[in-house]
Protein backbone atom coordinates (compact mmCIF):
# COMPACT_ATOMS: atom_id res chain seq x y z
CA MET A 1 -9.97 1.34 -14.08
CA ARG A 2 -13.26 0.53 -12.37
CA THR A 3 -14.81 2.85 -9.87
CA VAL A 4 -17.49 2.26 -7.28
CA GLN A 5 -20.10 4.96 -7.08
CA HIS A 6 -21.75 5.70 -3.78
CA SER A 7 -24.04 8.47 -2.73
CA ARG A 8 -24.24 9.71 0.84
CA SER A 9 -28.03 9.50 0.51
CA GLN A 10 -27.62 5.72 0.23
CA GLY A 11 -26.31 5.63 3.80
CA PRO A 12 -23.00 4.22 5.01
CA ALA A 13 -21.19 1.83 2.73
CA ILE A 14 -18.50 -0.72 3.22
CA ALA A 15 -15.74 0.25 0.85
CA ALA A 16 -14.85 -2.05 -1.98
CA GLY A 17 -11.43 -1.21 -0.57
CA ARG A 18 -12.05 -2.58 2.92
CA THR A 19 -8.96 -2.82 5.06
CA ALA A 20 -7.68 -6.02 3.42
CA ALA A 21 -8.52 -4.79 -0.07
CA LYS A 22 -6.89 -1.45 0.60
CA GLY A 23 -3.86 -3.28 1.92
CA GLU A 24 -3.66 -5.29 -1.27
CA SER A 25 -3.98 -2.08 -3.30
CA PHE A 26 -1.11 -0.57 -1.37
CA VAL A 27 1.04 -3.68 -1.90
CA ILE A 28 0.32 -3.59 -5.66
CA ALA A 29 1.18 0.11 -5.77
CA LYS A 30 4.41 -0.52 -3.88
CA ALA A 31 5.31 -3.32 -6.30
CA GLY A 32 5.56 -0.68 -9.01
CA LYS A 33 2.89 -2.00 -11.36
CA PRO A 34 3.07 0.40 -14.33
CA ASP A 35 -0.71 0.52 -14.82
CA PHE A 36 -1.60 1.05 -11.16
CA HIS A 37 -0.92 4.37 -9.51
CA VAL A 38 -2.43 5.25 -6.15
CA ASP A 39 -1.33 7.28 -3.19
CA PRO A 40 -2.51 5.10 -0.28
CA HIS A 41 -3.12 8.09 2.00
CA LEU A 42 -5.19 9.95 -0.59
CA PHE A 43 -7.09 6.78 -1.51
CA ARG A 44 -8.04 6.09 2.12
CA ARG A 45 -8.98 9.71 2.77
CA ALA A 46 -11.16 9.86 -0.37
CA LEU A 47 -13.05 6.72 0.64
CA LEU A 48 -13.65 7.99 4.17
CA ASP A 49 -14.67 11.43 2.91
CA ASP A 50 -17.19 9.79 0.59
CA GLY A 51 -18.90 8.03 3.48
CA TYR A 52 -17.24 4.63 3.33
CA ILE A 53 -16.40 2.94 6.61
CA GLU A 54 -13.47 0.70 7.38
CA LEU A 55 -14.07 -2.89 8.33
CA LEU A 56 -11.13 -3.99 10.38
CA ILE A 57 -9.75 -7.51 10.09
CA THR A 58 -10.59 -9.59 13.17
CA SER A 59 -9.39 -12.96 14.38
CA GLU A 60 -12.82 -14.36 13.39
CA HIS A 61 -12.17 -13.24 9.81
CA ALA A 62 -8.71 -14.82 9.87
CA ALA A 63 -10.02 -18.08 11.36
CA GLY A 64 -12.75 -18.23 8.71
CA VAL A 65 -10.12 -18.61 6.01
CA ALA A 66 -9.59 -22.18 7.26
CA ASN A 67 -13.17 -23.03 6.27
CA LEU A 68 -12.72 -22.00 2.63
CA PRO A 69 -12.08 -24.50 -0.17
CA ASP A 70 -8.52 -24.57 -1.49
CA HIS A 71 -9.29 -23.66 -5.11
CA HIS A 72 -7.80 -20.17 -4.74
CA ARG A 73 -4.55 -19.54 -2.88
CA ASP A 74 -4.32 -15.72 -2.82
CA PRO A 75 -4.26 -14.84 0.91
CA PHE A 76 -5.72 -11.34 0.44
CA ASP A 77 -8.62 -12.64 -1.62
CA ARG A 78 -9.31 -15.49 0.80
CA LEU A 79 -9.38 -13.03 3.69
CA LEU A 80 -11.86 -10.81 1.81
CA VAL A 81 -14.14 -13.79 1.16
CA SER A 82 -13.96 -14.78 4.82
CA GLN A 83 -14.69 -11.21 5.91
CA ALA A 84 -17.74 -11.02 3.67
CA THR A 85 -18.98 -14.38 4.93
CA VAL A 86 -18.54 -13.55 8.62
CA GLU A 87 -20.07 -10.07 8.27
CA GLY A 88 -22.89 -11.16 5.94
CA ILE A 89 -22.01 -8.58 3.30
CA THR A 90 -21.62 -9.01 -0.44
CA LEU A 91 -18.14 -8.96 -1.92
CA LEU A 92 -18.09 -7.63 -5.47
CA THR A 93 -15.26 -8.90 -7.65
CA ASN A 94 -14.22 -9.21 -11.28
CA ASP A 95 -12.01 -12.18 -10.44
CA GLU A 96 -13.61 -15.47 -11.51
CA LEU A 97 -11.51 -17.44 -9.02
CA VAL A 98 -12.83 -15.36 -6.14
CA ALA A 99 -16.39 -15.60 -7.49
CA ALA A 100 -16.04 -19.40 -7.44
CA TYR A 101 -16.64 -19.34 -3.68
CA ALA A 102 -20.27 -20.22 -4.33
CA THR A 103 -21.18 -20.72 -0.65
CA SER A 104 -20.01 -17.21 0.22
CA PRO A 105 -21.66 -13.85 -0.47
CA VAL A 106 -19.47 -13.14 -3.51
CA ARG A 107 -20.82 -11.65 -6.74
CA LEU A 108 -19.00 -11.45 -10.05
CA VAL A 109 -19.32 -8.02 -11.69
């Protein structure tokens, strides 16, 4: 399991689990994946307590999905890429398909 470290002295941070990413995490947890255990309420609370802020999904984010190439069909991932593009923030991912959005602020880690 990967973790994102953040110090309050670094100022506010956008959670790697922004609203769409957290939603995907909750869907995965609900699907009963044996290697993924998370209590969505505790996960959200821990992120907020650590200084992360939520970035809500807007209609601009949703509309931006239409501008993305069709090489990746996962709706959650496409929404995250659109969110990062619209907000001008970097999206960190370990998914090579998501990182293939070369014109977006996506970085493979």
